[in-house]
N, C-alpha and C. Protein backbone atom coordinates (compact mmCIF):
# COMPACT_ATOMS: atom_id res chain seq x y z
N MET A 1 68.61 111.63 142.64
CA MET A 1 70.14 111.93 142.76
C MET A 1 70.73 110.93 141.82
N LYS A 2 70.42 110.36 142.56
CA LYS A 2 70.95 108.41 142.51
C LYS A 2 70.83 108.32 140.64
N LYS A 3 69.77 108.39 140.37
CA LYS A 3 69.40 108.48 139.12
C LYS A 3 70.18 109.27 137.60
N ILE A 4 70.79 110.13 138.05
CA ILE A 4 71.31 111.38 137.48
C ILE A 4 72.94 110.44 137.57
N ILE A 5 73.12 110.32 138.91
CA ILE A 5 74.97 109.25 138.29
C ILE A 5 74.59 107.98 137.93
N THR A 6 73.55 107.46 137.71
CA THR A 6 73.18 105.97 137.26
C THR A 6 73.34 106.20 135.53
N LEU A 7 72.80 106.97 135.24
CA LEU A 7 72.57 107.61 134.01
C LEU A 7 73.91 108.13 133.43
N CYS A 8 74.93 108.47 134.38
CA CYS A 8 75.76 109.02 133.68
C CYS A 8 76.66 107.96 133.39
N ILE A 9 76.82 107.42 134.61
CA ILE A 9 77.23 105.67 134.69
C ILE A 9 77.55 104.94 133.26
N PHE A 10 76.08 105.10 133.12
CA PHE A 10 75.88 104.10 131.48
C PHE A 10 76.04 104.86 130.14
N ALA A 11 76.03 106.12 130.49
CA ALA A 11 76.67 107.04 129.23
C ALA A 11 78.29 106.91 129.07
N VAL A 12 79.10 106.95 130.06
CA VAL A 12 80.19 107.06 129.92
C VAL A 12 80.17 105.08 129.66
N THR A 13 79.95 104.12 130.20
CA THR A 13 80.03 102.70 129.82
C THR A 13 79.90 102.72 128.36
N LEU A 14 79.14 103.55 128.03
CA LEU A 14 78.28 103.14 126.32
C LEU A 14 79.35 103.62 125.12
N LEU A 15 80.42 104.80 126.05
CA LEU A 15 81.09 105.70 125.31
C LEU A 15 82.18 104.58 125.33
N PHE A 16 83.07 103.75 125.68
CA PHE A 16 84.30 103.07 126.00
C PHE A 16 83.73 101.47 125.22
N SER A 17 82.39 101.59 125.14
CA SER A 17 82.47 100.11 124.56
C SER A 17 81.98 100.68 122.85
N THR A 18 81.60 101.72 122.25
CA THR A 18 81.68 102.21 121.27
C THR A 18 83.33 102.28 120.93
N GLN A 19 83.88 102.99 121.27
CA GLN A 19 85.44 102.79 121.26
C GLN A 19 85.97 101.37 120.57
N ASN A 20 85.75 100.85 121.75
CA ASN A 20 86.19 99.17 121.61
C ASN A 20 85.95 98.42 120.31
N MET A 21 84.70 98.64 119.85
CA MET A 21 84.04 98.40 118.53
C MET A 21 84.24 98.69 117.64
N THR A 22 84.85 100.25 117.91
CA THR A 22 85.41 101.20 116.57
C THR A 22 87.05 100.31 116.30
N ALA A 23 87.61 100.16 117.42
CA ALA A 23 89.38 99.96 117.33
C ALA A 23 88.64 98.67 116.98
N GLN A 24 88.46 97.26 117.36
CA GLN A 24 88.16 95.80 116.95
C GLN A 24 87.90 96.13 115.27
N ASN A 25 86.72 96.73 114.87
CA ASN A 25 86.79 97.32 113.12
C ASN A 25 87.97 97.37 112.64
N THR A 26 89.25 98.60 113.39
CA THR A 26 90.62 98.71 112.90
C THR A 26 91.25 97.36 112.56
N LEU A 27 91.42 96.91 113.63
CA LEU A 27 92.39 95.74 113.46
C LEU A 27 91.92 94.67 112.79
N GLU A 28 90.37 94.28 112.62
CA GLU A 28 90.07 93.50 111.87
C GLU A 28 90.54 93.93 110.23
N ILE A 29 90.26 95.02 109.69
CA ILE A 29 90.80 95.64 108.42
C ILE A 29 91.93 95.63 108.55
N ASN A 30 92.69 95.84 109.09
CA ASN A 30 94.37 96.00 108.74
C ASN A 30 94.68 94.37 108.76
N ALA A 31 94.32 93.76 109.51
CA ALA A 31 94.77 92.08 109.41
C ALA A 31 94.29 91.78 108.01
N GLU A 32 93.47 91.59 108.09
CA GLU A 32 92.33 90.97 106.71
C GLU A 32 93.68 91.85 105.30
N ALA A 33 93.90 93.70 105.07
CA ALA A 33 94.72 93.88 104.56
C ALA A 33 96.37 93.09 104.59
N ASN A 34 96.52 92.80 105.72
CA ASN A 34 98.04 92.60 105.69
C ASN A 34 98.17 91.07 105.27
N THR A 35 96.76 90.72 105.31
CA THR A 35 97.00 89.01 104.72
C THR A 35 96.79 89.02 103.47
N LYS A 36 95.69 89.60 102.60
CA LYS A 36 95.77 89.41 101.05
C LYS A 36 96.96 90.40 100.41
N THR A 37 97.59 91.29 101.19
CA THR A 37 98.98 91.47 100.79
C THR A 37 100.01 90.38 100.56
N LYS A 38 100.24 89.66 101.64
CA LYS A 38 100.94 88.44 102.25
C LYS A 38 100.79 87.41 100.60
N GLU A 39 99.41 87.31 100.65
CA GLU A 39 98.92 86.11 99.63
C GLU A 39 99.43 86.73 98.27
N LEU A 40 99.14 87.86 97.96
CA LEU A 40 99.61 88.20 96.69
C LEU A 40 100.86 88.87 96.17
N ARG A 41 101.24 88.92 97.60
CA ARG A 41 103.05 88.89 97.40
C ARG A 41 103.96 87.44 97.13
N LYS A 42 102.59 86.34 97.45
CA LYS A 42 103.10 84.80 96.89
C LYS A 42 103.16 84.40 96.06
N VAL A 43 102.19 84.83 95.29
CA VAL A 43 101.88 84.96 94.25
C VAL A 43 102.52 85.80 92.77
N ILE A 44 102.77 86.70 93.16
CA ILE A 44 103.23 87.60 92.47
C ILE A 44 104.26 88.81 93.15
N LYS A 45 105.80 88.08 92.69
CA LYS A 45 106.87 88.55 93.49
C LYS A 45 107.15 89.92 93.29
N PHE A 46 106.93 90.86 94.55
CA PHE A 46 107.34 92.14 94.30
C PHE A 46 107.87 93.04 95.57
N ASP A 47 108.70 94.19 95.81
CA ASP A 47 109.79 94.38 96.67
C ASP A 47 109.14 94.89 97.81
N GLU A 48 109.42 95.50 98.98
CA GLU A 48 108.92 95.59 99.80
C GLU A 48 108.54 97.33 100.12
N THR A 49 108.55 97.67 99.10
CA THR A 49 107.86 99.66 98.72
C THR A 49 106.84 98.59 98.03
N LYS A 50 106.68 98.77 97.45
CA LYS A 50 105.45 97.76 96.87
C LYS A 50 104.52 97.01 97.55
N MET A 51 105.21 96.03 98.51
CA MET A 51 104.01 95.83 99.72
C MET A 51 103.48 96.72 100.34
N ASP A 52 104.47 97.61 100.61
CA ASP A 52 103.67 98.76 101.55
C ASP A 52 102.47 99.59 101.03
N ASP A 53 102.55 99.91 99.74
CA ASP A 53 101.63 100.70 99.15
C ASP A 53 100.46 99.78 98.57
N VAL A 54 100.86 98.52 98.21
CA VAL A 54 99.56 97.51 98.05
C VAL A 54 98.83 97.40 99.71
N TYR A 55 99.61 97.56 100.57
CA TYR A 55 98.78 97.00 102.28
C TYR A 55 97.82 98.34 102.43
N LYS A 56 98.23 99.46 102.42
CA LYS A 56 97.42 100.77 102.12
C LYS A 56 96.56 101.06 101.08
N ALA A 57 96.50 99.98 100.26
CA ALA A 57 95.28 99.87 99.37
C ALA A 57 94.56 98.98 99.41
N TYR A 58 94.95 97.87 100.40
CA TYR A 58 93.67 96.88 100.65
C TYR A 58 93.18 97.66 101.63
N GLN A 59 93.78 98.39 102.97
CA GLN A 59 93.74 98.83 103.80
C GLN A 59 92.21 100.06 103.72
N SER A 60 92.49 100.75 102.57
CA SER A 60 91.35 101.91 102.58
C SER A 60 90.45 101.05 101.36
N TYR A 61 90.27 99.48 100.79
CA TYR A 61 89.36 99.15 100.48
C TYR A 61 88.74 98.68 101.30
N GLY A 62 89.23 97.64 102.19
CA GLY A 62 88.74 96.99 103.36
C GLY A 62 87.86 98.39 104.58
N ILE A 63 88.07 99.49 104.50
CA ILE A 63 87.42 100.75 105.10
C ILE A 63 86.23 100.87 104.28
N ALA A 64 86.28 101.04 102.93
CA ALA A 64 85.26 101.32 101.89
C ALA A 64 83.82 99.95 102.39
N TYR A 65 84.92 98.87 102.26
CA TYR A 65 83.74 97.80 101.86
C TYR A 65 82.93 97.81 103.27
N LYS A 66 83.72 98.31 104.33
CA LYS A 66 83.09 97.86 106.06
C LYS A 66 82.00 98.83 106.00
N LYS A 67 81.95 99.97 105.45
CA LYS A 67 80.61 100.95 105.39
C LYS A 67 79.91 100.38 104.57
N ILE A 68 79.48 99.28 103.72
CA ILE A 68 78.81 99.74 102.41
C ILE A 68 78.06 97.82 102.96
N SER A 69 79.26 97.08 103.65
CA SER A 69 78.85 95.47 103.80
C SER A 69 77.89 95.01 104.86
N SER A 70 76.93 95.93 105.24
CA SER A 70 75.95 95.80 105.36
C SER A 70 74.51 95.53 104.72
N ASN A 71 74.95 96.05 103.88
CA ASN A 71 73.52 95.89 102.88
C ASN A 71 74.49 96.46 101.27
N LEU A 72 74.86 94.92 101.19
CA LEU A 72 75.66 94.71 99.43
C LEU A 72 74.77 94.85 98.29
N GLU A 73 73.60 93.91 98.21
CA GLU A 73 72.77 94.44 97.45
C GLU A 73 72.75 95.90 96.57
N GLY A 74 72.14 96.73 97.92
CA GLY A 74 71.81 98.17 97.92
C GLY A 74 73.04 99.12 97.45
N ASN A 75 73.88 98.27 97.73
CA ASN A 75 74.77 99.19 97.10
C ASN A 75 75.69 98.60 96.14
N ALA A 76 75.74 97.93 95.12
CA ALA A 76 76.49 97.28 94.33
C ALA A 76 77.17 97.89 93.65
N ASP A 77 76.16 99.19 93.32
CA ASP A 77 76.90 100.00 92.10
C ASP A 77 78.80 100.70 93.02
N ARG A 78 78.55 101.27 94.56
CA ARG A 78 79.41 101.56 95.42
C ARG A 78 80.28 100.70 94.96
N LEU A 79 80.00 98.89 95.17
CA LEU A 79 80.99 97.86 95.63
C LEU A 79 81.64 98.06 94.19
N ILE A 80 81.21 98.08 92.70
CA ILE A 80 81.29 97.93 91.35
C ILE A 80 83.28 99.30 91.26
N LYS A 81 82.05 100.40 91.83
CA LYS A 81 83.07 101.73 92.09
C LYS A 81 84.48 101.42 93.22
N ILE A 82 84.48 100.51 94.28
CA ILE A 82 85.36 100.91 95.57
C ILE A 82 86.58 99.19 94.15
N GLU A 83 85.68 98.34 93.92
CA GLU A 83 86.58 97.03 93.31
C GLU A 83 87.41 98.05 92.66
N SER A 84 87.20 98.71 91.29
CA SER A 84 87.63 99.79 90.36
C SER A 84 88.61 100.54 90.92
N VAL A 85 88.73 101.33 91.87
CA VAL A 85 89.31 102.26 92.42
C VAL A 85 91.08 100.78 93.12
N LEU A 86 90.24 100.18 93.36
CA LEU A 86 91.23 99.09 93.99
C LEU A 86 92.00 98.93 92.87
N ASP A 87 91.81 98.67 91.47
CA ASP A 87 91.99 97.92 90.70
C ASP A 87 93.41 99.32 90.31
N LYS A 88 92.66 100.38 89.94
CA LYS A 88 93.17 101.13 89.39
C LYS A 88 93.94 101.56 90.33
N THR A 89 94.69 101.71 91.53
CA THR A 89 95.40 101.31 92.59
C THR A 89 96.51 101.07 92.12
N LEU A 90 96.10 99.58 92.31
CA LEU A 90 97.19 98.69 91.60
C LEU A 90 97.91 98.89 91.01
N LYS A 91 96.80 99.40 89.76
CA LYS A 91 97.39 99.73 88.35
C LYS A 91 98.78 100.54 88.24
N ALA A 92 98.95 101.27 88.92
CA ALA A 92 99.42 102.58 89.32
C ALA A 92 100.85 101.78 90.42
N ILE A 93 100.70 100.29 91.10
CA ILE A 93 101.68 100.39 92.13
C ILE A 93 102.53 99.23 91.15
N PHE A 94 101.36 98.35 90.36
CA PHE A 94 102.32 97.41 89.72
C PHE A 94 103.08 97.41 88.19
N THR A 95 103.73 96.80 88.05
CA THR A 95 104.35 96.73 86.48
C THR A 95 103.16 96.13 85.81
N GLU A 96 102.70 96.51 84.62
CA GLU A 96 102.58 95.76 83.56
C GLU A 96 102.24 94.15 83.78
N TYR A 97 103.57 93.63 83.69
CA TYR A 97 103.36 92.34 83.77
C TYR A 97 102.80 92.04 85.42
N GLU A 98 103.26 92.81 86.54
CA GLU A 98 102.66 92.39 87.73
C GLU A 98 100.98 92.15 87.80
N TYR A 99 100.47 93.70 87.14
CA TYR A 99 99.14 93.92 87.39
C TYR A 99 98.23 92.42 86.15
N VAL A 100 98.79 92.54 85.26
CA VAL A 100 97.78 91.40 84.44
C VAL A 100 98.61 90.32 85.38
N ASN A 101 99.40 89.50 85.79
CA ASN A 101 99.12 88.89 86.35
C ASN A 101 98.09 88.77 87.88
N TYR A 102 98.16 89.72 88.62
CA TYR A 102 96.96 90.31 89.54
C TYR A 102 95.91 89.52 89.14
N LEU A 103 95.44 90.60 88.07
CA LEU A 103 94.00 90.23 87.13
C LEU A 103 93.70 88.67 86.88
N GLU A 104 94.53 88.24 86.40
CA GLU A 104 94.44 87.22 86.06
C GLU A 104 94.13 86.00 87.07
N LEU A 105 94.95 86.05 88.16
CA LEU A 105 95.54 85.22 89.37
C LEU A 105 94.54 85.41 90.50
N ILE A 106 94.32 86.23 90.71
CA ILE A 106 93.48 87.03 91.94
C ILE A 106 91.99 87.62 91.90
N ARG A 107 92.02 88.22 90.78
CA ARG A 107 90.63 88.66 90.20
C ARG A 107 89.62 87.71 89.41
N GLY A 108 90.49 87.13 88.48
CA GLY A 108 89.94 86.18 87.87
C GLY A 108 89.36 86.50 86.18
N ILE A 109 89.76 87.58 85.68
CA ILE A 109 89.81 88.55 84.76
C ILE A 109 90.29 87.76 83.45
């Protein structure tokens, strides 16, 4: 009986630690998306509505990047696809002038 109770306590503890790890990853992704959005806004002047859209784009990029970050060499094709999706999303958000500035200053293209 003691072993069953110990096993149950261990399983519950493991579940709580898994939720904390997931929450920590989400917080890191949101913080990085916020930082990148603010940096981009300093370089390319855009309004609040675009800022929210850019934040969401970087947030989805961060989530997708986190999934493949453990093996970047093996997922090189997926990384290129994720970056192209980010570029397409930002192209839809920005004006042509802002997008060209983004490509030149941030992406170095």
